[in-house]
PDB file of N, CA and C in Angstrom:
ATOM      1  N   MET A   1      53.447  90.109 145.002  1.00  0.00           N
ATOM      2  CA  MET A   1      54.896  90.247 144.409  1.00  0.00           C
ATOM      3  C   MET A   1      54.857  91.506 143.452  1.00  0.00           C
ATOM      4  N   SER A   2      55.861  92.508 143.709  1.00  0.00           N
ATOM      5  CA  SER A   2      56.019  93.652 143.260  1.00  0.00           C
ATOM      6  C   SER A   2      56.504  93.427 141.600  1.00  0.00           C
ATOM      7  N   ASP A   3      56.355  94.386 140.833  1.00  0.00           N
ATOM      8  CA  ASP A   3      56.837  94.213 139.397  1.00  0.00           C
ATOM      9  C   ASP A   3      58.401  93.971 139.339  1.00  0.00           C
ATOM     10  N   TRP A   4      59.199  94.670 140.201  1.00  0.00           N
ATOM     11  CA  TRP A   4      60.627  94.427 139.925  1.00  0.00           C
ATOM     12  C   TRP A   4      61.143  92.959 140.324  1.00  0.00           C
ATOM     13  N   ARG A   5      60.428  92.509 141.230  1.00  0.00           N
ATOM     14  CA  ARG A   5      60.592  91.078 141.607  1.00  0.00           C
ATOM     15  C   ARG A   5      60.230  90.091 140.352  1.00  0.00           C
ATOM     16  N   ILE A   6      59.202  90.128 139.973  1.00  0.00           N
ATOM     17  CA  ILE A   6      58.663  89.523 138.596  1.00  0.00           C
ATOM     18  C   ILE A   6      60.064  89.428 137.660  1.00  0.00           C
ATOM     19  N   LEU A   7      60.173  90.824 137.369  1.00  0.00           N
ATOM     20  CA  LEU A   7      61.173  91.176 136.159  1.00  0.00           C
ATOM     21  C   LEU A   7      62.422  90.353 136.634  1.00  0.00           C
ATOM     22  N   ALA A   8      62.787  90.543 137.890  1.00  0.00           N
ATOM     23  CA  ALA A   8      64.185  90.127 138.525  1.00  0.00           C
ATOM     24  C   ALA A   8      64.379  88.523 138.392  1.00  0.00           C
ATOM     25  N   ALA A   9      63.149  87.848 138.568  1.00  0.00           N
ATOM     26  CA  ALA A   9      62.985  86.189 138.452  1.00  0.00           C
ATOM     27  C   ALA A   9      63.227  86.061 136.830  1.00  0.00           C
ATOM     28  N   ILE A  10      62.484  86.817 136.220  1.00  0.00           N
ATOM     29  CA  ILE A  10      62.436  86.561 134.668  1.00  0.00           C
ATOM     30  C   ILE A  10      63.882  86.580 134.042  1.00  0.00           C
ATOM     31  N   ALA A  11      64.550  87.639 134.471  1.00  0.00           N
ATOM     32  CA  ALA A  11      66.074  87.873 133.969  1.00  0.00           C
ATOM     33  C   ALA A  11      66.805  86.683 134.855  1.00  0.00           C
ATOM     34  N   ALA A  12      66.771  86.348 135.946  1.00  0.00           N
ATOM     35  CA  ALA A  12      67.955  85.132 136.504  1.00  0.00           C
ATOM     36  C   ALA A  12      67.373  83.851 135.510  1.00  0.00           C
ATOM     37  N   LEU A  13      66.046  83.607 135.432  1.00  0.00           N
ATOM     38  CA  LEU A  13      65.739  82.402 134.880  1.00  0.00           C
ATOM     39  C   LEU A  13      66.455  82.608 133.257  1.00  0.00           C
ATOM     40  N   GLY A  14      66.412  83.593 132.758  1.00  0.00           N
ATOM     41  CA  GLY A  14      66.973  83.880 131.468  1.00  0.00           C
ATOM     42  C   GLY A  14      68.437  83.635 131.443  1.00  0.00           C
ATOM     43  N   LEU A  15      69.212  84.210 132.340  1.00  0.00           N
ATOM     44  CA  LEU A  15      70.536  84.162 132.631  1.00  0.00           C
ATOM     45  C   LEU A  15      70.847  82.472 132.734  1.00  0.00           C
ATOM     46  N   VAL A  16      70.089  82.017 133.537  1.00  0.00           N
ATOM     47  CA  VAL A  16      70.382  80.650 133.911  1.00  0.00           C
ATOM     48  C   VAL A  16      70.085  79.671 132.690  1.00  0.00           C
ATOM     49  N   SER A  17      69.311  79.842 131.818  1.00  0.00           N
ATOM     50  CA  SER A  17      68.701  79.322 130.602  1.00  0.00           C
ATOM     51  C   SER A  17      70.128  79.458 129.622  1.00  0.00           C
ATOM     52  N   TYR A  18      70.561  80.724 129.450  1.00  0.00           N
ATOM     53  CA  TYR A  18      71.671  80.919 128.596  1.00  0.00           C
ATOM     54  C   TYR A  18      72.876  80.277 128.907  1.00  0.00           C
ATOM     55  N   ALA A  19      73.209  80.288 130.230  1.00  0.00           N
ATOM     56  CA  ALA A  19      74.440  79.768 130.677  1.00  0.00           C
ATOM     57  C   ALA A  19      74.369  78.249 130.648  1.00  0.00           C
ATOM     58  N   LEU A  20      73.121  77.452 130.903  1.00  0.00           N
ATOM     59  CA  LEU A  20      73.082  76.002 130.521  1.00  0.00           C
ATOM     60  C   LEU A  20      73.321  75.859 129.157  1.00  0.00           C
ATOM     61  N   ARG A  21      72.819  76.630 128.150  1.00  0.00           N
ATOM     62  CA  ARG A  21      72.923  76.462 126.773  1.00  0.00           C
ATOM     63  C   ARG A  21      74.423  76.660 126.306  1.00  0.00           C
ATOM     64  N   ALA A  22      75.015  77.584 126.833  1.00  0.00           N
ATOM     65  CA  ALA A  22      76.172  77.975 126.595  1.00  0.00           C
ATOM     66  C   ALA A  22      77.274  77.008 127.058  1.00  0.00           C
ATOM     67  N   GLY A  23      76.993  76.564 128.140  1.00  0.00           N
ATOM     68  CA  GLY A  23      77.831  75.176 128.720  1.00  0.00           C
ATOM     69  C   GLY A  23      77.831  74.126 127.894  1.00  0.00           C
ATOM     70  N   GLY A  24      76.564  73.769 127.398  1.00  0.00           N
ATOM     71  CA  GLY A  24      76.250  72.509 126.660  1.00  0.00           C
ATOM     72  C   GLY A  24      76.990  72.685 125.408  1.00  0.00           C
ATOM     73  N   PHE A  25      76.922  74.001 124.646  1.00  0.00           N
ATOM     74  CA  PHE A  25      77.782  74.140 123.603  1.00  0.00           C
ATOM     75  C   PHE A  25      79.115  74.065 123.761  1.00  0.00           C
ATOM     76  N   LEU A  26      79.651  74.476 124.766  1.00  0.00           N
ATOM     77  CA  LEU A  26      81.158  74.523 125.031  1.00  0.00           C
ATOM     78  C   LEU A  26      81.409  73.057 125.305  1.00  0.00           C
ATOM     79  N   ALA A  27      80.765  72.148 125.992  1.00  0.00           N
ATOM     80  CA  ALA A  27      81.036  70.817 126.396  1.00  0.00           C
ATOM     81  C   ALA A  27      80.979  69.811 125.033  1.00  0.00           C
ATOM     82  N   ALA A  28      79.960  70.292 124.181  1.00  0.00           N
ATOM     83  CA  ALA A  28      79.905  69.628 122.845  1.00  0.00           C
ATOM     84  C   ALA A  28      81.148  69.846 121.899  1.00  0.00           C
ATOM     85  N   GLY A  29      81.700  71.031 121.989  1.00  0.00           N
ATOM     86  CA  GLY A  29      82.820  71.325 121.290  1.00  0.00           C
ATOM     87  C   GLY A  29      84.125  70.583 121.805  1.00  0.00           C
ATOM     88  N   LEU A  30      84.101  69.994 123.230  1.00  0.00           N
ATOM     89  CA  LEU A  30      85.313  69.326 123.632  1.00  0.00           C
ATOM     90  C   LEU A  30      85.146  67.822 123.364  1.00  0.00           C
ATOM     91  N   MET A  31      83.921  67.518 123.051  1.00  0.00           N
ATOM     92  CA  MET A  31      83.755  65.901 122.725  1.00  0.00           C
ATOM     93  C   MET A  31      84.235  65.745 121.362  1.00  0.00           C
ATOM     94  N   ARG A  32      84.909  64.268 121.597  1.00  0.00           N
ATOM     95  CA  ARG A  32      85.325  63.573 120.365  1.00  0.00           C
ATOM     96  C   ARG A  32      84.275  63.265 119.548  1.00  0.00           C
ATOM     97  N   GLU A  33      84.289  63.225 117.958  1.00  0.00           N
ATOM     98  CA  GLU A  33      83.473  63.066 117.243  1.00  0.00           C
ATOM     99  C   GLU A  33      83.195  61.500 117.058  1.00  0.00           C
ATOM    100  N   SER A  34      83.857  60.772 117.442  1.00  0.00           N
ATOM    101  CA  SER A  34      83.984  59.264 117.331  1.00  0.00           C
ATOM    102  C   SER A  34      83.665  58.734 118.598  1.00  0.00           C
ATOM    103  N   GLY A  35      83.467  59.179 119.523  1.00  0.00           N
ATOM    104  CA  GLY A  35      83.422  58.568 120.941  1.00  0.00           C
ATOM    105  C   GLY A  35      81.871  58.069 121.215  1.00  0.00           C
ATOM    106  N   VAL A  36      81.691  57.209 122.289  1.00  0.00           N
ATOM    107  CA  VAL A  36      80.189  56.563 122.417  1.00  0.00           C
ATOM    108  C   VAL A  36      79.274  57.794 122.854  1.00  0.00           C
ATOM    109  N   VAL A  37      79.684  58.870 123.454  1.00  0.00           N
ATOM    110  CA  VAL A  37      78.775  59.713 123.927  1.00  0.00           C
ATOM    111  C   VAL A  37      78.207  60.801 122.871  1.00  0.00           C
ATOM    112  N   ALA A  38      79.466  60.855 121.831  1.00  0.00           N
ATOM    113  CA  ALA A  38      78.806  61.481 120.536  1.00  0.00           C
ATOM    114  C   ALA A  38      77.747  60.725 119.814  1.00  0.00           C
ATOM    115  N   ARG A  39      78.041  59.537 119.649  1.00  0.00           N
ATOM    116  CA  ARG A  39      77.157  58.682 119.055  1.00  0.00           C
ATOM    117  C   ARG A  39      75.605  58.591 119.611  1.00  0.00           C
ATOM    118  N   PHE A  40      75.893  58.543 121.095  1.00  0.00           N
ATOM    119  CA  PHE A  40      74.636  58.599 121.663  1.00  0.00           C
ATOM    120  C   PHE A  40      73.724  59.749 121.499  1.00  0.00           C
ATOM    121  N   PHE A  41      74.314  60.956 121.306  1.00  0.00           N
ATOM    122  CA  PHE A  41      73.676  62.242 121.368  1.00  0.00           C
ATOM    123  C   PHE A  41      73.173  62.397 119.906  1.00  0.00           C
ATOM    124  N   ARG A  42      73.929  61.710 118.916  1.00  0.00           N
ATOM    125  CA  ARG A  42      73.403  61.821 117.312  1.00  0.00           C
ATOM    126  C   ARG A  42      72.144  60.997 117.434  1.00  0.00           C
ATOM    127  N   LEU A  43      71.938  60.077 118.172  1.00  0.00           N
ATOM    128  CA  LEU A  43      70.909  59.182 118.142  1.00  0.00           C
ATOM    129  C   LEU A  43      69.688  59.419 119.280  1.00  0.00           C
ATOM    130  N   ALA A  44      70.023  60.304 120.147  1.00  0.00           N
ATOM    131  CA  ALA A  44      69.332  60.902 121.229  1.00  0.00           C
ATOM    132  C   ALA A  44      67.788  61.426 120.702  1.00  0.00           C
ATOM    133  N   PRO A  45      67.544  62.256 119.828  1.00  0.00           N
ATOM    134  CA  PRO A  45      66.107  62.721 119.255  1.00  0.00           C
ATOM    135  C   PRO A  45      65.200  61.395 118.932  1.00  0.00           C
ATOM    136  N   GLY A  46      65.706  60.499 118.237  1.00  0.00           N
ATOM    137  CA  GLY A  46      64.939  59.444 118.100  1.00  0.00           C
ATOM    138  C   GLY A  46      64.582  58.686 119.197  1.00  0.00           C
ATOM    139  N   ASN A  47      65.402  58.466 120.222  1.00  0.00           N
ATOM    140  CA  ASN A  47      65.328  57.656 121.175  1.00  0.00           C
ATOM    141  C   ASN A  47      64.251  58.511 122.253  1.00  0.00           C
ATOM    142  N   LEU A  48      64.551  59.697 122.308  1.00  0.00           N
ATOM    143  CA  LEU A  48      63.785  60.375 123.160  1.00  0.00           C
ATOM    144  C   LEU A  48      62.147  60.479 122.671  1.00  0.00           C
ATOM    145  N   PHE A  49      62.084  60.399 121.383  1.00  0.00           N
ATOM    146  CA  PHE A  49      60.762  60.546 120.722  1.00  0.00           C
ATOM    147  C   PHE A  49      59.885  59.088 121.248  1.00  0.00           C
ATOM    148  N   VAL A  50      60.744  58.155 121.077  1.00  0.00           N
ATOM    149  CA  VAL A  50      60.261  56.617 121.419  1.00  0.00           C
ATOM    150  C   VAL A  50      59.964  56.450 122.743  1.00  0.00           C
ATOM    151  N   ALA A  51      60.998  56.871 123.485  1.00  0.00           N
ATOM    152  CA  ALA A  51      60.593  56.898 124.962  1.00  0.00           C
ATOM    153  C   ALA A  51      59.467  57.844 125.477  1.00  0.00           C
ATOM    154  N   PHE A  52      59.266  59.033 125.308  1.00  0.00           N
ATOM    155  CA  PHE A  52      58.482  59.839 125.783  1.00  0.00           C
ATOM    156  C   PHE A  52      57.087  59.917 125.064  1.00  0.00           C
ATOM    157  N   VAL A  53      57.074  59.709 123.800  1.00  0.00           N
ATOM    158  CA  VAL A  53      55.877  60.041 122.939  1.00  0.00           C
ATOM    159  C   VAL A  53      55.175  58.862 122.356  1.00  0.00           C
ATOM    160  N   ALA A  54      55.995  57.697 122.070  1.00  0.00           N
ATOM    161  CA  ALA A  54      55.328  56.658 121.518  1.00  0.00           C
ATOM    162  C   ALA A  54      54.166  56.191 122.561  1.00  0.00           C
ATOM    163  N   ALA A  55      54.565  55.865 123.775  1.00  0.00           N
ATOM    164  CA  ALA A  55      53.681  55.246 124.561  1.00  0.00           C
ATOM    165  C   ALA A  55      52.372  56.195 124.917  1.00  0.00           C
ATOM    166  N   ALA A  56      52.555  57.211 124.711  1.00  0.00           N
ATOM    167  CA  ALA A  56      51.418  58.113 124.918  1.00  0.00           C
ATOM    168  C   ALA A  56      50.361  58.088 123.717  1.00  0.00           C
ATOM    169  N   CYS A  57      51.066  57.909 122.447  1.00  0.00           N
ATOM    170  CA  CYS A  57      50.299  57.727 121.410  1.00  0.00           C
ATOM    171  C   CYS A  57      49.043  56.529 121.883  1.00  0.00           C
ATOM    172  N   PHE A  58      49.504  55.543 122.282  1.00  0.00           N
ATOM    173  CA  PHE A  58      48.237  54.516 122.596  1.00  0.00           C
ATOM    174  C   PHE A  58      47.405  54.915 123.745  1.00  0.00           C
ATOM    175  N   GLU A  59      47.960  55.747 124.510  1.00  0.00           N
ATOM    176  CA  GLU A  59      46.845  56.160 125.659  1.00  0.00           C
ATOM    177  C   GLU A  59      45.762  57.052 125.137  1.00  0.00           C
ATOM    178  N   GLY A  60      46.313  57.883 124.174  1.00  0.00           N
ATOM    179  CA  GLY A  60      45.329  58.967 123.609  1.00  0.00           C
ATOM    180  C   GLY A  60      44.359  58.363 122.728  1.00  0.00           C
ATOM    181  N   SER A  61      43.647  59.279 122.209  1.00  0.00           N
ATOM    182  CA  SER A  61      42.559  58.534 121.201  1.00  0.00           C
ATOM    183  C   SER A  61      43.213  58.685 119.835  1.00  0.00           C
ATOM    184  N   TRP A  62      42.245  58.798 118.814  1.00  0.00           N
ATOM    185  CA  TRP A  62      42.675  58.643 117.424  1.00  0.00           C
ATOM    186  C   TRP A  62      43.515  60.028 116.887  1.00  0.00           C
ATOM    187  N   PRO A  63      43.414  61.102 117.567  1.00  0.00           N
ATOM    188  CA  PRO A  63      44.153  62.250 117.214  1.00  0.00           C
ATOM    189  C   PRO A  63      45.650  62.086 117.426  1.00  0.00           C
ATOM    190  N   SER A  64      45.887  61.418 118.793  1.00  0.00           N
ATOM    191  CA  SER A  64      47.318  61.322 119.056  1.00  0.00           C
ATOM    192  C   SER A  64      48.023  60.295 118.137  1.00  0.00           C
ATOM    193  N   VAL A  65      47.278  59.267 117.811  1.00  0.00           N
ATOM    194  CA  VAL A  65      47.730  58.334 116.797  1.00  0.00           C
ATOM    195  C   VAL A  65      47.987  58.849 115.559  1.00  0.00           C
ATOM    196  N   ILE A  66      47.168  59.682 115.256  1.00  0.00           N
ATOM    197  CA  ILE A  66      47.422  60.012 113.653  1.00  0.00           C
ATOM    198  C   ILE A  66      48.560  61.131 113.740  1.00  0.00           C
ATOM    199  N   GLY A  67      48.783  61.785 114.889  1.00  0.00           N
ATOM    200  CA  GLY A  67      49.505  62.936 114.938  1.00  0.00           C
ATOM    201  C   GLY A  67      51.093  62.080 114.881  1.00  0.00           C
ATOM    202  N   CYS A  68      51.332  60.995 115.510  1.00  0.00           N
ATOM    203  CA  CYS A  68      52.472  60.296 115.678  1.00  0.00           C
ATOM    204  C   CYS A  68      52.779  59.583 114.422  1.00  0.00           C
ATOM    205  N   ILE A  69      51.804  59.001 113.842  1.00  0.00           N
ATOM    206  CA  ILE A  69      52.022  58.466 112.306  1.00  0.00           C
ATOM    207  C   ILE A  69      52.357  59.608 111.309  1.00  0.00           C
ATOM    208  N   ALA A  70      52.097  60.605 111.275  1.00  0.00           N
ATOM    209  CA  ALA A  70      52.284  61.867 110.540  1.00  0.00           C
ATOM    210  C   ALA A  70      53.873  62.197 110.903  1.00  0.00           C
ATOM    211  N   ALA A  71      54.310  62.159 112.255  1.00  0.00           N
ATOM    212  CA  ALA A  71      55.461  62.580 112.655  1.00  0.00           C
ATOM    213  C   ALA A  71      56.535  61.574 112.124  1.00  0.00           C
ATOM    214  N   VAL A  72      56.171  60.159 112.322  1.00  0.00           N
ATOM    215  CA  VAL A  72      57.237  59.165 112.088  1.00  0.00           C
ATOM    216  C   VAL A  72      57.281  59.235 110.467  1.00  0.00           C
ATOM    217  N   VAL A  73      56.372  59.549 109.573  1.00  0.00           N
ATOM    218  CA  VAL A  73      56.386  59.515 108.083  1.00  0.00           C
ATOM    219  C   VAL A  73      57.242  60.725 107.531  1.00  0.00           C
ATOM    220  N   VAL A  74      57.006  61.866 108.304  1.00  0.00           N
ATOM    221  CA  VAL A  74      57.886  62.986 107.972  1.00  0.00           C
ATOM    222  C   VAL A  74      59.237  62.807 108.293  1.00  0.00           C
ATOM    223  N   MET A  75      59.565  62.214 109.536  1.00  0.00           N
ATOM    224  CA  MET A  75      60.787  61.957 109.882  1.00  0.00           C
ATOM    225  C   MET A  75      61.653  60.997 108.992  1.00  0.00           C
ATOM    226  N   TRP A  76      60.945  60.134 108.648  1.00  0.00           N
ATOM    227  CA  TRP A  76      61.410  59.095 107.590  1.00  0.00           C
ATOM    228  C   TRP A  76      61.751  59.682 106.091  1.00  0.00           C
ATOM    229  N   LEU A  77      60.990  60.740 105.767  1.00  0.00           N
ATOM    230  CA  LEU A  77      61.087  61.399 104.393  1.00  0.00           C
ATOM    231  C   LEU A  77      62.182  62.443 104.654  1.00  0.00           C
ATOM    232  N   THR A  78      62.114  63.067 105.770  1.00  0.00           N
ATOM    233  CA  THR A  78      63.065  64.302 105.742  1.00  0.00           C
ATOM    234  C   THR A  78      64.365  64.362 106.549  1.00  0.00           C
ATOM    235  N   HIS A  79      64.311  63.258 107.463  1.00  0.00           N
ATOM    236  CA  HIS A  79      65.546  63.168 108.487  1.00  0.00           C
ATOM    237  C   HIS A  79      65.507  64.360 109.429  1.00  0.00           C
ATOM    238  N   LYS A  80      64.418  65.323 109.491  1.00  0.00           N
ATOM    239  CA  LYS A  80      64.617  66.675 110.545  1.00  0.00           C
ATOM    240  C   LYS A  80      63.587  66.409 111.375  1.00  0.00           C
ATOM    241  N   GLU A  81      64.132  66.359 112.789  1.00  0.00           N
ATOM    242  CA  GLU A  81      63.297  66.345 113.808  1.00  0.00           C
ATOM    243  C   GLU A  81      62.221  67.552 113.850  1.00  0.00           C
ATOM    244  N   TRP A  82      62.525  68.682 113.642  1.00  0.00           N
ATOM    245  CA  TRP A  82      61.429  69.845 113.718  1.00  0.00           C
ATOM    246  C   TRP A  82      60.452  69.775 112.695  1.00  0.00           C
ATOM    247  N   ALA A  83      60.720  69.286 111.776  1.00  0.00           N
ATOM    248  CA  ALA A  83      59.655  69.210 110.610  1.00  0.00           C
ATOM    249  C   ALA A  83      58.804  68.039 111.073  1.00  0.00           C
ATOM    250  N   ALA A  84      59.389  67.145 111.774  1.00  0.00           N
ATOM    251  CA  ALA A  84      58.498  65.790 111.974  1.00  0.00           C
ATOM    252  C   ALA A  84      57.471  66.235 113.325  1.00  0.00           C
ATOM    253  N   PHE A  85      58.143  66.974 114.101  1.00  0.00           N
ATOM    254  CA  PHE A  85      57.472  67.418 115.440  1.00  0.00           C
ATOM    255  C   PHE A  85      56.248  68.347 114.837  1.00  0.00           C
ATOM    256  N   THR A  86      56.626  69.291 113.857  1.00  0.00           N
ATOM    257  CA  THR A  86      55.618  70.122 113.453  1.00  0.00           C
ATOM    258  C   THR A  86      54.571  69.496 112.610  1.00  0.00           C
ATOM    259  N   ALA A  87      54.905  68.454 111.786  1.00  0.00           N
ATOM    260  CA  ALA A  87      53.824  67.684 111.111  1.00  0.00           C
ATOM    261  C   ALA A  87      52.861  66.851 111.892  1.00  0.00           C
ATOM    262  N   GLY A  88      53.480  66.362 113.144  1.00  0.00           N
ATOM    263  CA  GLY A  88      52.781  65.641 113.949  1.00  0.00           C
ATOM    264  C   GLY A  88      51.832  66.358 114.738  1.00  0.00           C
ATOM    265  N   PHE A  89      52.385  67.303 115.271  1.00  0.00           N
ATOM    266  CA  PHE A  89      51.401  68.145 116.224  1.00  0.00           C
ATOM    267  C   PHE A  89      50.230  68.733 115.172  1.00  0.00           C
ATOM    268  N   SER A  90      50.629  69.242 114.075  1.00  0.00           N
ATOM    269  CA  SER A  90      49.762  69.696 113.277  1.00  0.00           C
ATOM    270  C   SER A  90      48.626  68.798 112.594  1.00  0.00           C
ATOM    271  N   ALA A  91      48.990  67.664 112.513  1.00  0.00           N
ATOM    272  CA  ALA A  91      48.091  66.640 112.098  1.00  0.00           C
ATOM    273  C   ALA A  91      47.252  66.103 113.392  1.00  0.00           C
ATOM    274  N   ALA A  92      47.909  66.165 114.485  1.00  0.00           N
ATOM    275  CA  ALA A  92      46.846  65.737 115.625  1.00  0.00           C
ATOM    276  C   ALA A  92      45.948  66.935 115.933  1.00  0.00           C
ATOM    277  N   ALA A  93      46.467  68.099 115.860  1.00  0.00           N
ATOM    278  CA  ALA A  93      45.347  69.230 115.971  1.00  0.00           C
ATOM    279  C   ALA A  93      44.074  69.257 114.986  1.00  0.00           C
ATOM    280  N   LEU A  94      44.609  69.135 113.675  1.00  0.00           N
ATOM    281  CA  LEU A  94      43.682  68.805 112.680  1.00  0.00           C
ATOM    282  C   LEU A  94      42.658  67.573 112.805  1.00  0.00           C
ATOM    283  N   ALA A  95      43.213  66.535 113.448  1.00  0.00           N
ATOM    284  CA  ALA A  95      42.358  65.314 113.571  1.00  0.00           C
ATOM    285  C   ALA A  95      41.525  65.578 114.800  1.00  0.00           C
ATOM    286  N   ALA A  96      42.049  66.232 115.749  1.00  0.00           N
ATOM    287  CA  ALA A  96      41.075  66.424 116.966  1.00  0.00           C
ATOM    288  C   ALA A  96      40.022  67.364 116.652  1.00  0.00           C
ATOM    289  N   ALA A  97      40.326  68.441 115.807  1.00  0.00           N
ATOM    290  CA  ALA A  97      39.318  69.192 115.109  1.00  0.00           C
ATOM    291  C   ALA A  97      38.199  68.533 114.378  1.00  0.00           C
ATOM    292  N   ILE A  98      38.724  67.627 113.663  1.00  0.00           N
ATOM    293  CA  ILE A  98      37.859  67.018 112.850  1.00  0.00           C
ATOM    294  C   ILE A  98      37.136  65.845 113.584  1.00  0.00           C
ATOM    295  N   LEU A  99      37.577  65.251 114.428  1.00  0.00           N
ATOM    296  CA  LEU A  99      37.182  63.801 114.993  1.00  0.00           C
ATOM    297  C   LEU A  99      36.359  64.222 116.269  1.00  0.00           C
ATOM    298  N   VAL A 100      37.085  65.059 117.155  1.00  0.00           N
ATOM    299  CA  VAL A 100      36.222  65.279 118.511  1.00  0.00           C
ATOM    300  C   VAL A 100      35.435  66.598 118.237  1.00  0.00           C
ATOM    301  N   LYS A 101      34.327  66.277 118.448  1.00  0.00           N
ATOM    302  CA  LYS A 101      33.317  67.393 118.655  1.00  0.00           C
ATOM    303  C   LYS A 101      32.378  67.350 119.687  1.00  0.00           C
TER     304      LYS A 101
END
């Protein structure tokens, strides 16, 4: 595959990604703030965490459990998803470095 095809693929993916984000932003602007869908989207980050990550915590070893506990504690204290994700990943990486040798 030549260089121009790789760059064209990257540019196309970037445009599609931007279009999806812009479309989501515009759709969110049209939503009523008191509707059921708006309430679902406000609850979605917590639901996604439980659905996709909590089950994996118990399949992994101690580092994944420690990371999940750290994420839950930081989320409870700060109410910020990205702070919780950062703390969880950092705690898991630190625990893996210490416990898994």
